């Protein structure tokens, strides 16, 4: 099979397209013929060595955790799927080596759900990691009907999905973004505000009585600003770093969860959730995809076309 590999912590310059052996398929896995793979900042952070303290990483490394494709083979005890099923997955294992930037991936069934028919292959590939992150962060702070939620970096891959999921739950959403993304946020059901100095005052102008929950997908002072606006300061979740725990909030590191992934697919098929694909590049241009991701200006998701 063709796959993107890196031989060490070399960043985008170390990526190359090469031939790799087809994956072996364990009893609890299925072999997925990949149609598209999502690109996430964690992919290049791993290849930079930034997460070496968290994951046992082995080389040569095929990056990537997001996948959308078709089941080509089932393991001996993988009864959940059949050959020909269209699936999506957040294919994260306990160590890092066999990723989704490849024509084939052996995926544990615990990482997969059926692809929503409402999304095309590119959109479907952009859903798993970002969608699960948003979904689990909203769960962690208990967002439900009638809540007012502040979403930091609301136009990004995770933020844009968090906005839609919160709206689907009956929440009112205030989202931070640059002015060029305000119409995009309005189209998702959010009330946009510009981030930066004076953010707290701009949010208070929209929600004078305060907010019920906040999600931080950007870092910096987002948690501290949020806690000055929250009715209950502990109802803030961040994906950026452990400092949020010291401030009384919740750190969210996304977990594979087939039930959560299926719930996201159901929302998509119900017309309540979509994935905005900012750029789609061929698999061979994975390095360029990473360079775009590093710029931090992506609206929605970057994906790789594979098959």
Protein backbone atom coordinates (compact mmCIF):
# COMPACT_ATOMS: atom_id res chain seq x y z
CA UNK A 1 0.00 0.00 0.00
CA UNK A 2 0.97 3.65 -0.39
CA UNK A 3 1.39 5.59 2.84
CA UNK A 4 2.91 8.77 4.23
CA UNK A 5 5.77 8.01 6.61
CA UNK A 6 8.33 9.84 8.69
CA UNK A 7 11.51 8.29 10.07
CA UNK A 8 11.87 10.59 13.09
CA UNK A 9 10.81 13.80 14.80
CA UNK A 10 11.33 15.86 11.66
CA UNK A 11 8.07 17.78 11.23
CA UNK A 12 6.56 18.25 7.75
CA UNK A 13 9.95 18.15 6.04
CA UNK A 14 10.33 14.52 7.09
CA UNK A 15 7.13 13.28 5.40
CA UNK A 16 7.38 11.15 2.28
CA UNK A 17 5.02 8.98 0.26
CA UNK A 18 6.27 5.41 0.06
CA UNK A 19 5.24 1.77 -0.19
CA UNK A 20 4.49 -0.04 3.07
CA UNK A 21 3.35 -3.61 3.77
CA UNK A 22 -0.41 -4.06 4.02
CA UNK A 23 -1.50 -4.10 7.69
CA UNK A 24 -2.19 -7.32 9.54
CA UNK A 25 -5.76 -7.54 10.82
CA UNK A 26 -6.15 -8.58 14.46
CA UNK A 27 -9.28 -10.46 15.65
CA UNK A 28 -10.96 -7.29 16.96
CA UNK A 29 -10.05 -5.14 13.95
CA UNK A 30 -11.29 -4.48 10.45
CA UNK A 31 -9.21 -3.46 7.46
CA UNK A 32 -10.41 -0.14 6.10
CA UNK A 33 -9.68 0.95 2.55
CA UNK A 34 -9.21 4.66 3.14
CA UNK A 35 -11.09 7.21 1.06
CA UNK A 36 -10.02 10.27 3.05
CA UNK A 37 -8.04 11.08 6.20
CA UNK A 38 -8.52 14.06 8.46
CA UNK A 39 -5.60 16.33 9.38
CA UNK A 40 -5.37 17.49 13.00
CA UNK A 41 -2.79 19.59 14.86
CA UNK A 42 -1.99 16.59 17.05
CA UNK A 43 -0.63 14.82 13.94
CA UNK A 44 2.19 17.30 13.40
CA UNK A 45 2.73 17.83 17.12
CA UNK A 46 3.52 14.12 17.42
CA UNK A 47 5.92 14.36 14.47
CA UNK A 48 7.59 17.36 16.11
CA UNK A 49 8.25 15.29 19.24
CA UNK A 50 6.04 17.58 21.34
CA UNK A 51 4.03 14.65 22.74
CA UNK A 52 6.92 12.25 23.29
CA UNK A 53 6.27 12.27 27.04
CA UNK A 54 2.70 11.03 26.49
CA UNK A 55 2.95 8.36 23.79
CA UNK A 56 5.33 5.55 22.95
CA UNK A 57 6.13 6.47 19.36
CA UNK A 58 7.73 4.04 16.90
CA UNK A 59 9.35 4.69 13.53
CA UNK A 60 8.83 4.52 10.66
CA UNK A 61 5.64 6.32 11.63
CA UNK A 62 2.48 6.64 9.55
CA UNK A 63 0.69 9.71 10.99
CA UNK A 64 -3.03 10.29 11.37
CA UNK A 65 -5.93 9.29 13.60
CA UNK A 66 -8.99 10.30 11.50
CA UNK A 67 -10.34 8.06 8.76
CA UNK A 68 -13.29 7.55 6.44
CA UNK A 69 -13.41 4.51 4.21
CA UNK A 70 -14.84 1.12 3.32
CA UNK A 71 -14.36 -2.13 5.21
CA UNK A 72 -12.25 -4.46 3.03
CA UNK A 73 -11.71 -7.31 5.52
CA UNK A 74 -12.98 -8.23 8.98
CA UNK A 75 -11.01 -9.80 11.81
CA UNK A 76 -11.87 -13.19 13.26
CA UNK A 77 -14.10 -11.71 15.97
CA UNK A 78 -15.03 -8.33 14.49
CA UNK A 79 -18.76 -8.99 14.30
CA UNK A 80 -19.78 -5.31 14.38
CA UNK A 81 -19.01 -4.70 10.69
CA UNK A 82 -19.09 -6.48 7.33
CA UNK A 83 -17.10 -6.13 4.15
CA UNK A 84 -18.44 -3.19 2.19
CA UNK A 85 -19.60 -1.17 5.20
CA UNK A 86 -18.79 2.54 5.02
CA UNK A 87 -17.18 3.67 8.27
CA UNK A 88 -15.57 6.58 10.06
CA UNK A 89 -13.07 6.33 12.87
CA UNK A 90 -10.86 8.01 15.41
CA UNK A 91 -8.22 5.29 15.15
CA UNK A 92 -6.10 6.00 18.21
CA UNK A 93 -4.19 3.19 19.85
CA UNK A 94 -2.12 3.21 23.05
CA UNK A 95 1.09 3.76 21.08
CA UNK A 96 1.74 5.64 17.86
CA UNK A 97 2.97 4.12 14.60
CA UNK A 98 0.22 2.78 12.34
CA UNK A 99 -1.85 5.81 11.37
CA UNK A 100 -4.46 6.72 8.78
CA UNK A 101 -2.40 8.60 6.17
CA UNK A 102 -2.40 5.40 4.10
CA UNK A 103 -4.43 3.45 1.58
CA UNK A 104 -5.23 0.79 4.19
CA UNK A 105 -5.57 0.91 7.97
CA UNK A 106 -6.31 -1.88 10.44
CA UNK A 107 -8.77 -0.24 12.84
CA UNK A 108 -10.00 -1.66 16.17
CA UNK A 109 -13.78 -1.86 16.10
CA UNK A 110 -13.88 0.22 19.32
CA UNK A 111 -12.68 3.20 17.26
CA UNK A 112 -15.28 3.04 14.48
CA UNK A 113 -18.88 3.89 13.63
CA UNK A 114 -20.88 3.81 10.43
CA UNK A 115 -20.37 6.76 8.11
CA UNK A 116 -23.24 9.25 8.07
CA UNK A 117 -24.84 9.23 4.64
CA UNK A 118 -25.36 13.01 4.78
CA UNK A 119 -21.61 13.68 4.65
CA UNK A 120 -19.30 13.10 1.70
CA UNK A 121 -15.99 11.30 2.19
CA UNK A 122 -14.02 14.46 2.89
CA UNK A 123 -16.53 15.75 5.44
CA UNK A 124 -16.76 12.34 7.06
CA UNK A 125 -12.97 12.16 7.45
CA UNK A 126 -12.97 15.52 9.22
CA UNK A 127 -15.59 14.52 11.78
CA UNK A 128 -14.16 11.91 14.21
CA UNK A 129 -11.42 13.54 16.31
CA UNK A 130 -12.77 17.08 16.19
CA UNK A 131 -16.37 15.99 16.62
CA UNK A 132 -15.59 13.70 19.54
CA UNK A 133 -13.51 16.43 21.18
CA UNK A 134 -16.39 18.88 20.93
CA UNK A 135 -18.99 16.33 22.02
CA UNK A 136 -17.03 15.14 25.04
CA UNK A 137 -16.12 18.68 26.11
CA UNK A 138 -19.79 19.67 26.03
CA UNK A 139 -20.64 16.58 28.07
CA UNK A 140 -17.93 17.35 30.60
CA UNK A 141 -19.47 20.71 31.48
CA UNK A 142 -23.04 19.45 31.13
CA UNK A 143 -24.30 21.67 28.33
CA UNK A 144 -28.01 21.29 27.68
CA UNK A 145 -31.21 23.05 26.74
CA UNK A 146 -31.36 26.70 27.76
CA UNK A 147 -27.66 27.10 28.57
CA UNK A 148 -25.62 30.01 27.25
CA UNK A 149 -22.23 28.70 26.12
CA UNK A 150 -19.06 30.58 25.19
CA UNK A 151 -16.93 28.77 22.58
CA UNK A 152 -13.39 30.04 22.08
CA UNK A 153 -11.98 29.56 18.53
CA UNK A 154 -15.47 28.78 17.31
CA UNK A 155 -14.60 28.81 13.60
CA UNK A 156 -11.92 26.13 13.84
CA UNK A 157 -12.27 22.40 13.30
CA UNK A 158 -13.34 21.59 16.86
CA UNK A 159 -15.05 24.87 17.62
CA UNK A 160 -17.32 24.85 14.57
CA UNK A 161 -18.55 21.38 15.51
CA UNK A 162 -19.01 22.37 19.17
CA UNK A 163 -21.20 25.27 18.07
CA UNK A 164 -23.48 22.98 16.08
CA UNK A 165 -23.71 20.28 18.74
CA UNK A 166 -24.52 22.86 21.42
CA UNK A 167 -27.21 24.44 19.21
CA UNK A 168 -28.66 20.97 18.58
CA UNK A 169 -28.89 20.53 22.36
CA UNK A 170 -30.92 23.72 22.67
CA UNK A 171 -28.14 25.98 23.92
CA UNK A 172 -27.44 29.57 23.00
CA UNK A 173 -23.87 29.92 21.68
CA UNK A 174 -21.52 32.89 21.73
CA UNK A 175 -18.42 32.17 19.66
CA UNK A 176 -15.09 33.96 19.35
CA UNK A 177 -13.49 34.38 15.93
CA UNK A 178 -11.87 36.93 13.67
CA UNK A 179 -14.30 39.19 11.84
CA UNK A 180 -13.75 37.34 8.55
CA UNK A 181 -15.40 34.28 10.15
CA UNK A 182 -18.41 35.99 11.72
CA UNK A 183 -20.83 35.24 8.90
CA UNK A 184 -19.66 31.62 9.00
CA UNK A 185 -20.46 31.43 12.72
CA UNK A 186 -23.87 32.98 12.18
CA UNK A 187 -24.59 30.31 9.58
CA UNK A 188 -23.90 27.68 12.27
CA UNK A 189 -26.24 29.34 14.77
CA UNK A 190 -23.72 31.22 16.93
CA UNK A 191 -23.51 34.86 17.94
CA UNK A 192 -19.97 35.94 17.00
CA UNK A 193 -17.61 38.18 18.94
CA UNK A 194 -14.05 39.23 18.15
CA UNK A 195 -11.40 37.65 20.35
CA UNK A 196 -8.61 39.65 22.04
CA UNK A 197 -8.53 42.59 24.42
CA UNK A 198 -11.97 43.53 25.69
CA UNK A 199 -13.49 40.11 25.02
CA UNK A 200 -15.14 39.91 28.44
CA UNK A 201 -16.95 43.21 27.87
CA UNK A 202 -18.15 42.10 24.44
CA UNK A 203 -19.52 38.87 25.86
CA UNK A 204 -21.23 40.73 28.74
CA UNK A 205 -22.92 42.98 26.20
CA UNK A 206 -24.55 39.88 24.71
CA UNK A 207 -25.10 38.03 27.99
CA UNK A 208 -25.41 40.57 30.83
CA UNK A 209 -26.40 37.89 33.34
CA UNK A 210 -23.34 35.76 32.61
CA UNK A 211 -22.80 32.47 30.83
CA UNK A 212 -23.45 28.91 31.92
CA UNK A 213 -20.49 27.09 30.34
CA UNK A 214 -17.35 27.74 28.32
CA UNK A 215 -15.15 25.69 26.01
CA UNK A 216 -11.53 26.65 25.36
CA UNK A 217 -10.07 25.46 22.06
CA UNK A 218 -7.36 28.12 21.77
CA UNK A 219 -5.41 28.50 25.04
CA UNK A 220 -3.88 31.71 26.32
CA UNK A 221 -6.12 33.50 28.81
CA UNK A 222 -9.36 31.92 27.54
CA UNK A 223 -10.01 29.96 30.75
CA UNK A 224 -9.34 32.94 33.02
CA UNK A 225 -11.57 35.22 30.93
CA UNK A 226 -14.30 32.59 30.90
CA UNK A 227 -14.27 32.16 34.66
CA UNK A 228 -14.89 35.87 35.07
CA UNK A 229 -18.08 35.42 33.07
CA UNK A 230 -19.36 32.07 34.33
CA UNK A 231 -22.10 31.74 36.92
CA UNK A 232 -20.27 28.61 38.12
CA UNK A 233 -16.52 28.95 37.42
CA UNK A 234 -15.96 25.19 37.31
CA UNK A 235 -18.10 24.82 34.16
CA UNK A 236 -15.19 25.42 31.80
CA UNK A 237 -13.40 22.77 29.73
CA UNK A 238 -10.15 23.13 27.83
CA UNK A 239 -8.30 20.90 25.38
CA UNK A 240 -5.13 22.99 25.43
CA UNK A 241 -3.30 22.16 28.65
CA UNK A 242 -3.42 21.01 32.25
CA UNK A 243 -3.52 24.54 33.72
CA UNK A 244 -7.30 24.50 33.49
CA UNK A 245 -7.40 21.86 36.24
CA UNK A 246 -5.42 24.09 38.59
CA UNK A 247 -8.02 26.79 37.94
CA UNK A 248 -10.88 24.44 38.84
CA UNK A 249 -12.01 23.53 35.35
CA UNK A 250 -11.85 20.36 33.25
CA UNK A 251 -9.12 19.12 30.93
CA UNK A 252 -10.50 17.10 28.01
CA UNK A 253 -8.32 14.68 26.06
CA UNK A 254 -10.55 13.08 23.46
CA UNK A 255 -11.17 9.33 23.74
CA UNK A 256 -12.30 6.86 21.08
CA UNK A 257 -15.94 6.07 21.80
CA UNK A 258 -18.13 4.30 19.24
CA UNK A 259 -21.36 5.41 20.93
CA UNK A 260 -20.33 9.08 20.86
CA UNK A 261 -19.16 8.71 17.27
CA UNK A 262 -22.49 7.15 16.29
CA UNK A 263 -24.31 10.03 18.01
CA UNK A 264 -22.35 12.49 15.88
CA UNK A 265 -23.26 10.52 12.76
CA UNK A 266 -26.92 10.63 13.79
CA UNK A 267 -26.76 14.42 14.20
CA UNK A 268 -25.26 14.71 10.72
CA UNK A 269 -27.94 12.52 9.18
CA UNK A 270 -30.60 14.55 10.98
CA UNK A 271 -29.29 17.71 9.29
CA UNK A 272 -28.05 19.21 12.56
CA UNK A 273 -24.31 18.82 12.01
CA UNK A 274 -22.01 19.31 9.05
CA UNK A 275 -18.26 19.56 8.54
CA UNK A 276 -16.81 22.53 6.72
CA UNK A 277 -13.79 21.38 4.72
CA UNK A 278 -11.45 24.33 4.24
CA UNK A 279 -8.91 22.48 2.09
CA UNK A 280 -8.58 19.00 0.61
CA UNK A 281 -5.17 17.94 -0.66
CA UNK A 282 -3.86 14.70 -2.21
CA UNK A 283 -2.19 12.25 0.15
CA UNK A 284 1.18 13.02 -1.42
CA UNK A 285 0.84 16.65 -0.27
CA UNK A 286 0.50 15.84 3.44
CA UNK A 287 3.45 18.10 4.26
CA UNK A 288 1.66 21.09 2.71
CA UNK A 289 -1.46 20.17 4.68
CA UNK A 290 0.58 20.30 7.89
CA UNK A 291 2.06 23.67 6.98
CA UNK A 292 -1.44 25.04 6.44
CA UNK A 293 -2.60 23.57 9.75
CA UNK A 294 0.33 25.16 11.59
CA UNK A 295 -0.76 28.61 10.45
CA UNK A 296 -3.81 28.31 12.72
CA UNK A 297 -6.15 30.09 10.33
CA UNK A 298 -8.18 27.13 9.12
CA UNK A 299 -11.93 27.53 8.94
CA UNK A 300 -13.23 24.05 9.70
CA UNK A 301 -11.07 21.13 8.60
CA UNK A 302 -8.17 20.14 6.35
CA UNK A 303 -8.37 16.64 4.85
CA UNK A 304 -6.32 14.37 2.61
CA UNK A 305 -7.84 12.58 -0.39
CA UNK A 306 -6.57 9.00 -0.38
CA UNK A 307 -8.67 6.68 -2.53
